[in-house]
Amino acid sequence: MSPDNLANIILDLYKIYDGHRNSRLWFLDDLDANNYKEYHEKYTPASEGKSHFVAVCGFFELSGTLLSHGLINPDIYFDIFNPTPFWLKAKPIVEGMRETRPHIYENFEMLSEKRNKWKKKRHEK
């Protein structure tokens, strides 16, 4: 893939990310569920909260999928985006979701793990 195409992918991801600013802020500041049961009770399918949750998790799931297939450079991606604080809030909810959908948001989880390894490696230099 050409450098222009790779740059366009990152720029397109940033547009998606920036377009969900309210969802990201809600996710970090207002998401109030410690597990899937609480999430399911508080955020109905048509609720704004569920929409925010799906937007954020979907963005990082997409990013993780692109990264795992080599379509984006991890160094560039992780210089711009940090999925870890989002994953830490989502994890107990996603774990409950996986009782019926075992692979849901697996690329989001992998992305957070890779970011943590990238950060550790970066600090060792």
N, C-alpha and C. Protein backbone atom coordinates (compact mmCIF):
# COMPACT_ATOMS: atom_id res chain seq x y z
N MET A 1 0.84 -1.17 0.00
CA MET A 1 0.00 0.00 0.00
C MET A 1 0.89 1.24 0.00
N SER A 2 0.51 2.22 -0.76
CA SER A 2 1.33 3.42 -0.88
C SER A 2 1.25 4.28 0.38
N PRO A 3 2.28 5.07 0.63
CA PRO A 3 2.26 5.97 1.79
C PRO A 3 1.05 6.92 1.79
N ASP A 4 0.62 7.34 0.59
CA ASP A 4 -0.55 8.22 0.50
C ASP A 4 -1.81 7.51 1.00
N ASN A 5 -1.95 6.23 0.61
CA ASN A 5 -3.11 5.47 1.06
C ASN A 5 -3.09 5.26 2.56
N LEU A 6 -1.90 4.98 3.10
CA LEU A 6 -1.77 4.80 4.54
C LEU A 6 -2.11 6.08 5.29
N ALA A 7 -1.63 7.19 4.76
CA ALA A 7 -1.94 8.48 5.39
C ALA A 7 -3.43 8.77 5.32
N ASN A 8 -4.05 8.43 4.20
CA ASN A 8 -5.49 8.65 4.07
C ASN A 8 -6.29 7.82 5.05
N ILE A 9 -5.84 6.61 5.31
CA ILE A 9 -6.53 5.77 6.30
C ILE A 9 -6.47 6.42 7.67
N ILE A 10 -5.30 6.88 8.06
CA ILE A 10 -5.15 7.54 9.37
C ILE A 10 -6.02 8.80 9.43
N LEU A 11 -5.99 9.59 8.37
CA LEU A 11 -6.80 10.82 8.34
C LEU A 11 -8.29 10.51 8.39
N ASP A 12 -8.70 9.47 7.69
CA ASP A 12 -10.11 9.07 7.74
C ASP A 12 -10.49 8.59 9.15
N LEU A 13 -9.60 7.83 9.78
CA LEU A 13 -9.87 7.41 11.15
C LEU A 13 -9.98 8.61 12.08
N TYR A 14 -9.12 9.59 11.88
CA TYR A 14 -9.19 10.77 12.74
C TYR A 14 -10.51 11.52 12.55
N LYS A 15 -11.00 11.57 11.33
CA LYS A 15 -12.29 12.22 11.07
C LYS A 15 -13.41 11.49 11.82
N ILE A 16 -13.37 10.17 11.79
CA ILE A 16 -14.38 9.39 12.52
C ILE A 16 -14.25 9.67 14.02
N TYR A 17 -13.02 9.61 14.51
CA TYR A 17 -12.75 9.83 15.93
C TYR A 17 -13.23 11.21 16.37
N ASP A 18 -12.87 12.22 15.60
CA ASP A 18 -13.25 13.59 15.93
C ASP A 18 -14.76 13.78 15.85
N GLY A 19 -15.40 13.08 14.93
CA GLY A 19 -16.84 13.17 14.77
C GLY A 19 -17.61 12.59 15.94
N HIS A 20 -16.94 11.79 16.75
CA HIS A 20 -17.57 11.17 17.92
C HIS A 20 -17.05 11.76 19.22
N ARG A 21 -16.71 13.03 19.20
CA ARG A 21 -16.18 13.69 20.39
C ARG A 21 -17.13 13.57 21.58
N ASN A 22 -18.41 13.83 21.36
CA ASN A 22 -19.38 13.73 22.45
C ASN A 22 -19.46 12.31 23.01
N SER A 23 -19.36 11.35 22.13
CA SER A 23 -19.39 9.95 22.58
C SER A 23 -18.16 9.63 23.43
N ARG A 24 -17.00 10.11 23.00
CA ARG A 24 -15.78 9.85 23.78
C ARG A 24 -15.86 10.51 25.15
N LEU A 25 -16.33 11.75 25.19
CA LEU A 25 -16.46 12.44 26.48
C LEU A 25 -17.46 11.73 27.38
N TRP A 26 -18.59 11.33 26.82
CA TRP A 26 -19.59 10.59 27.60
C TRP A 26 -18.98 9.30 28.14
N PHE A 27 -18.27 8.60 27.28
CA PHE A 27 -17.70 7.31 27.64
C PHE A 27 -16.79 7.43 28.86
N LEU A 28 -15.91 8.41 28.84
CA LEU A 28 -14.94 8.56 29.93
C LEU A 28 -15.53 9.23 31.17
N ASP A 29 -16.47 10.15 30.97
CA ASP A 29 -16.99 10.92 32.09
C ASP A 29 -18.32 10.43 32.65
N ASP A 30 -19.18 9.91 31.79
CA ASP A 30 -20.55 9.62 32.23
C ASP A 30 -20.98 8.16 32.15
N LEU A 31 -20.24 7.32 31.47
CA LEU A 31 -20.60 5.90 31.45
C LEU A 31 -20.58 5.40 32.88
N ASP A 32 -21.72 4.90 33.32
CA ASP A 32 -21.87 4.53 34.72
C ASP A 32 -22.41 3.11 34.82
N ALA A 33 -21.56 2.15 34.52
CA ALA A 33 -21.92 0.74 34.65
C ALA A 33 -20.63 -0.04 34.93
N ASN A 34 -20.69 -0.87 35.94
CA ASN A 34 -19.51 -1.64 36.33
C ASN A 34 -19.50 -3.05 35.75
N ASN A 35 -20.59 -3.42 35.07
CA ASN A 35 -20.67 -4.74 34.47
C ASN A 35 -21.78 -4.72 33.42
N TYR A 36 -21.92 -5.83 32.71
CA TYR A 36 -22.90 -5.88 31.63
C TYR A 36 -24.33 -5.75 32.15
N LYS A 37 -24.61 -6.35 33.27
CA LYS A 37 -25.97 -6.28 33.84
C LYS A 37 -26.37 -4.83 34.08
N GLU A 38 -25.51 -4.07 34.72
CA GLU A 38 -25.81 -2.65 34.97
C GLU A 38 -25.95 -1.88 33.65
N TYR A 39 -25.05 -2.15 32.72
CA TYR A 39 -25.10 -1.48 31.42
C TYR A 39 -26.43 -1.77 30.73
N HIS A 40 -26.82 -3.03 30.72
CA HIS A 40 -28.05 -3.46 30.06
C HIS A 40 -29.28 -2.81 30.71
N GLU A 41 -29.25 -2.67 32.03
CA GLU A 41 -30.37 -2.06 32.74
C GLU A 41 -30.45 -0.55 32.52
N LYS A 42 -29.33 0.13 32.48
CA LYS A 42 -29.30 1.59 32.37
C LYS A 42 -29.42 2.11 30.95
N TYR A 43 -28.91 1.37 29.99
CA TYR A 43 -28.83 1.88 28.62
C TYR A 43 -29.63 0.98 27.68
N THR A 44 -30.86 1.42 27.42
CA THR A 44 -31.75 0.66 26.55
C THR A 44 -31.24 0.74 25.11
N PRO A 45 -31.73 -0.14 24.24
CA PRO A 45 -31.24 -0.14 22.86
C PRO A 45 -31.35 1.20 22.13
N ALA A 46 -32.36 1.99 22.44
CA ALA A 46 -32.53 3.26 21.74
C ALA A 46 -31.93 4.45 22.51
N SER A 47 -31.23 4.18 23.60
CA SER A 47 -30.73 5.28 24.43
C SER A 47 -29.50 5.94 23.82
N GLU A 48 -29.32 7.19 24.21
CA GLU A 48 -28.14 7.93 23.77
C GLU A 48 -26.87 7.28 24.31
N GLY A 49 -26.93 6.79 25.55
CA GLY A 49 -25.78 6.13 26.15
C GLY A 49 -25.33 4.92 25.37
N LYS A 50 -26.28 4.09 24.96
CA LYS A 50 -25.91 2.91 24.17
C LYS A 50 -25.31 3.33 22.83
N SER A 51 -25.86 4.37 22.25
CA SER A 51 -25.31 4.87 20.98
C SER A 51 -23.87 5.33 21.16
N HIS A 52 -23.60 6.04 22.24
CA HIS A 52 -22.23 6.49 22.54
C HIS A 52 -21.31 5.28 22.74
N PHE A 53 -21.77 4.31 23.50
CA PHE A 53 -20.96 3.12 23.79
C PHE A 53 -20.58 2.40 22.49
N VAL A 54 -21.57 2.19 21.63
CA VAL A 54 -21.34 1.48 20.37
C VAL A 54 -20.42 2.29 19.45
N ALA A 55 -20.57 3.61 19.44
CA ALA A 55 -19.72 4.46 18.59
C ALA A 55 -18.25 4.34 19.00
N VAL A 56 -17.99 4.42 20.30
CA VAL A 56 -16.60 4.36 20.78
C VAL A 56 -16.03 2.95 20.58
N CYS A 57 -16.76 1.96 21.02
CA CYS A 57 -16.25 0.58 20.86
C CYS A 57 -16.10 0.22 19.40
N GLY A 58 -17.03 0.67 18.57
CA GLY A 58 -16.96 0.39 17.14
C GLY A 58 -15.75 1.04 16.49
N PHE A 59 -15.44 2.26 16.90
CA PHE A 59 -14.26 2.93 16.35
C PHE A 59 -12.99 2.14 16.67
N PHE A 60 -12.83 1.74 17.92
CA PHE A 60 -11.62 1.02 18.29
C PHE A 60 -11.62 -0.41 17.75
N GLU A 61 -12.77 -1.00 17.56
CA GLU A 61 -12.85 -2.31 16.90
C GLU A 61 -12.38 -2.19 15.45
N LEU A 62 -12.85 -1.18 14.75
CA LEU A 62 -12.40 -0.92 13.38
C LEU A 62 -10.89 -0.69 13.34
N SER A 63 -10.40 0.15 14.23
CA SER A 63 -8.96 0.44 14.28
C SER A 63 -8.16 -0.83 14.52
N GLY A 64 -8.60 -1.64 15.46
CA GLY A 64 -7.90 -2.89 15.76
C GLY A 64 -7.88 -3.84 14.58
N THR A 65 -8.98 -3.90 13.87
CA THR A 65 -9.05 -4.76 12.69
C THR A 65 -8.06 -4.29 11.62
N LEU A 66 -8.04 -2.99 11.36
CA LEU A 66 -7.10 -2.45 10.37
C LEU A 66 -5.66 -2.68 10.79
N LEU A 67 -5.38 -2.49 12.06
CA LEU A 67 -4.02 -2.70 12.57
C LEU A 67 -3.61 -4.17 12.46
N SER A 68 -4.50 -5.07 12.83
CA SER A 68 -4.15 -6.50 12.82
C SER A 68 -3.93 -7.02 11.41
N HIS A 69 -4.49 -6.35 10.42
CA HIS A 69 -4.29 -6.75 9.03
C HIS A 69 -3.19 -5.96 8.34
N GLY A 70 -2.45 -5.18 9.12
CA GLY A 70 -1.30 -4.46 8.59
C GLY A 70 -1.65 -3.26 7.72
N LEU A 71 -2.86 -2.75 7.85
CA LEU A 71 -3.26 -1.63 7.01
C LEU A 71 -2.93 -0.27 7.62
N ILE A 72 -2.53 -0.27 8.88
CA ILE A 72 -2.06 0.97 9.50
C ILE A 72 -0.82 0.68 10.32
N ASN A 73 0.05 1.65 10.38
CA ASN A 73 1.30 1.52 11.11
C ASN A 73 1.04 1.75 12.60
N PRO A 74 1.40 0.80 13.46
CA PRO A 74 1.13 0.96 14.89
C PRO A 74 1.80 2.19 15.51
N ASP A 75 3.01 2.51 15.07
CA ASP A 75 3.69 3.68 15.63
C ASP A 75 2.93 4.97 15.35
N ILE A 76 2.47 5.10 14.13
CA ILE A 76 1.69 6.30 13.78
C ILE A 76 0.36 6.28 14.53
N TYR A 77 -0.31 5.14 14.49
CA TYR A 77 -1.62 5.05 15.14
C TYR A 77 -1.53 5.40 16.63
N PHE A 78 -0.59 4.78 17.34
CA PHE A 78 -0.51 4.98 18.78
C PHE A 78 0.07 6.34 19.17
N ASP A 79 0.73 7.01 18.24
CA ASP A 79 1.13 8.40 18.50
C ASP A 79 -0.10 9.32 18.52
N ILE A 80 -1.16 8.90 17.86
CA ILE A 80 -2.37 9.73 17.74
C ILE A 80 -3.48 9.29 18.69
N PHE A 81 -3.70 7.97 18.78
CA PHE A 81 -4.85 7.43 19.51
C PHE A 81 -4.40 6.57 20.70
N ASN A 82 -5.17 6.64 21.77
CA ASN A 82 -4.93 5.79 22.94
C ASN A 82 -6.22 5.08 23.33
N PRO A 83 -6.36 3.81 22.96
CA PRO A 83 -7.59 3.09 23.27
C PRO A 83 -7.68 2.61 24.73
N THR A 84 -6.58 2.62 25.45
CA THR A 84 -6.54 1.97 26.76
C THR A 84 -7.54 2.51 27.78
N PRO A 85 -7.66 3.82 27.99
CA PRO A 85 -8.64 4.26 28.99
C PRO A 85 -10.08 3.87 28.60
N PHE A 86 -10.34 3.81 27.32
CA PHE A 86 -11.67 3.39 26.86
C PHE A 86 -11.86 1.90 27.10
N TRP A 87 -10.83 1.11 26.79
CA TRP A 87 -10.94 -0.33 27.00
C TRP A 87 -11.12 -0.64 28.49
N LEU A 88 -10.41 0.04 29.35
CA LEU A 88 -10.53 -0.24 30.78
C LEU A 88 -11.96 -0.01 31.28
N LYS A 89 -12.65 0.99 30.74
CA LYS A 89 -14.04 1.22 31.12
C LYS A 89 -14.98 0.21 30.46
N ALA A 90 -14.67 -0.18 29.24
CA ALA A 90 -15.54 -1.10 28.50
C ALA A 90 -15.38 -2.55 28.93
N LYS A 91 -14.20 -2.92 29.38
CA LYS A 91 -13.87 -4.33 29.62
C LYS A 91 -14.89 -5.09 30.47
N PRO A 92 -15.31 -4.59 31.65
CA PRO A 92 -16.26 -5.39 32.43
C PRO A 92 -17.62 -5.53 31.75
N ILE A 93 -17.97 -4.57 30.93
CA ILE A 93 -19.23 -4.65 30.18
C ILE A 93 -19.10 -5.66 29.05
N VAL A 94 -18.00 -5.56 28.32
CA VAL A 94 -17.76 -6.46 27.19
C VAL A 94 -17.64 -7.90 27.67
N GLU A 95 -17.01 -8.11 28.81
CA GLU A 95 -16.89 -9.47 29.33
C GLU A 95 -18.27 -10.11 29.51
N GLY A 96 -19.24 -9.33 29.98
CA GLY A 96 -20.60 -9.85 30.10
C GLY A 96 -21.25 -10.09 28.74
N MET A 97 -20.98 -9.22 27.78
CA MET A 97 -21.52 -9.39 26.43
C MET A 97 -21.01 -10.69 25.81
N ARG A 98 -19.79 -11.06 26.18
CA ARG A 98 -19.16 -12.23 25.57
C ARG A 98 -19.78 -13.55 26.03
N GLU A 99 -20.65 -13.50 27.00
CA GLU A 99 -21.36 -14.72 27.38
C GLU A 99 -22.22 -15.22 26.23
N THR A 100 -22.74 -14.31 25.43
CA THR A 100 -23.56 -14.72 24.28
C THR A 100 -22.89 -14.41 22.93
N ARG A 101 -21.92 -13.49 22.95
CA ARG A 101 -21.20 -13.12 21.72
C ARG A 101 -19.71 -13.16 22.02
N PRO A 102 -19.10 -14.35 21.98
CA PRO A 102 -17.73 -14.54 22.48
C PRO A 102 -16.64 -13.71 21.83
N HIS A 103 -16.86 -13.20 20.64
CA HIS A 103 -15.80 -12.48 19.94
C HIS A 103 -16.05 -10.97 19.85
N ILE A 104 -17.09 -10.50 20.52
CA ILE A 104 -17.43 -9.08 20.39
C ILE A 104 -16.28 -8.21 20.90
N TYR A 105 -15.93 -7.24 20.14
CA TYR A 105 -14.90 -6.25 20.45
C TYR A 105 -13.54 -6.86 20.76
N GLU A 106 -13.24 -8.00 20.15
CA GLU A 106 -11.94 -8.63 20.39
C GLU A 106 -10.79 -7.81 19.78
N ASN A 107 -11.05 -7.12 18.69
CA ASN A 107 -10.00 -6.30 18.10
C ASN A 107 -9.75 -5.03 18.91
N PHE A 108 -10.77 -4.53 19.58
CA PHE A 108 -10.63 -3.41 20.50
C PHE A 108 -9.73 -3.83 21.66
N GLU A 109 -9.98 -5.00 22.22
CA GLU A 109 -9.16 -5.50 23.32
C GLU A 109 -7.71 -5.69 22.88
N MET A 110 -7.53 -6.31 21.71
CA MET A 110 -6.18 -6.54 21.18
C MET A 110 -5.47 -5.21 20.95
N LEU A 111 -6.20 -4.21 20.47
CA LEU A 111 -5.62 -2.90 20.22
C LEU A 111 -5.09 -2.28 21.51
N SER A 112 -5.84 -2.39 22.58
CA SER A 112 -5.40 -1.86 23.87
C SER A 112 -4.16 -2.60 24.36
N GLU A 113 -4.14 -3.92 24.21
CA GLU A 113 -2.96 -4.70 24.62
C GLU A 113 -1.73 -4.29 23.82
N LYS A 114 -1.90 -4.13 22.51
CA LYS A 114 -0.77 -3.72 21.66
C LYS A 114 -0.29 -2.32 22.02
N ARG A 115 -1.21 -1.45 22.36
CA ARG A 115 -0.84 -0.09 22.75
C ARG A 115 -0.01 -0.11 24.03
N ASN A 116 -0.40 -0.95 24.98
CA ASN A 116 0.35 -1.06 26.23
C ASN A 116 1.77 -1.58 25.99
N LYS A 117 1.91 -2.56 25.10
CA LYS A 117 3.24 -3.08 24.75
C LYS A 117 4.05 -2.01 24.02
N TRP A 118 3.40 -1.29 23.13
CA TRP A 118 4.05 -0.21 22.38
C TRP A 118 4.56 0.86 23.34
N LYS A 119 3.74 1.23 24.30
CA LYS A 119 4.12 2.26 25.27
C LYS A 119 5.31 1.80 26.10
N LYS A 120 5.28 0.55 26.54
CA LYS A 120 6.38 0.01 27.35
C LYS A 120 7.67 -0.01 26.55
N LYS A 121 7.59 -0.47 25.32
CA LYS A 121 8.75 -0.54 24.44
C LYS A 121 9.30 0.86 24.16
N ARG A 122 8.41 1.81 23.98
CA ARG A 122 8.80 3.19 23.70
C ARG A 122 9.55 3.80 24.87
N HIS A 123 9.11 3.49 26.08
CA HIS A 123 9.77 4.04 27.26
C HIS A 123 11.11 3.36 27.56
N GLU A 124 11.32 2.18 26.99
CA GLU A 124 12.60 1.48 27.19
C GLU A 124 13.70 2.05 26.32
N LYS A 125 13.32 2.79 25.28
CA LYS A 125 14.32 3.34 24.35
C LYS A 125 15.07 4.49 24.96
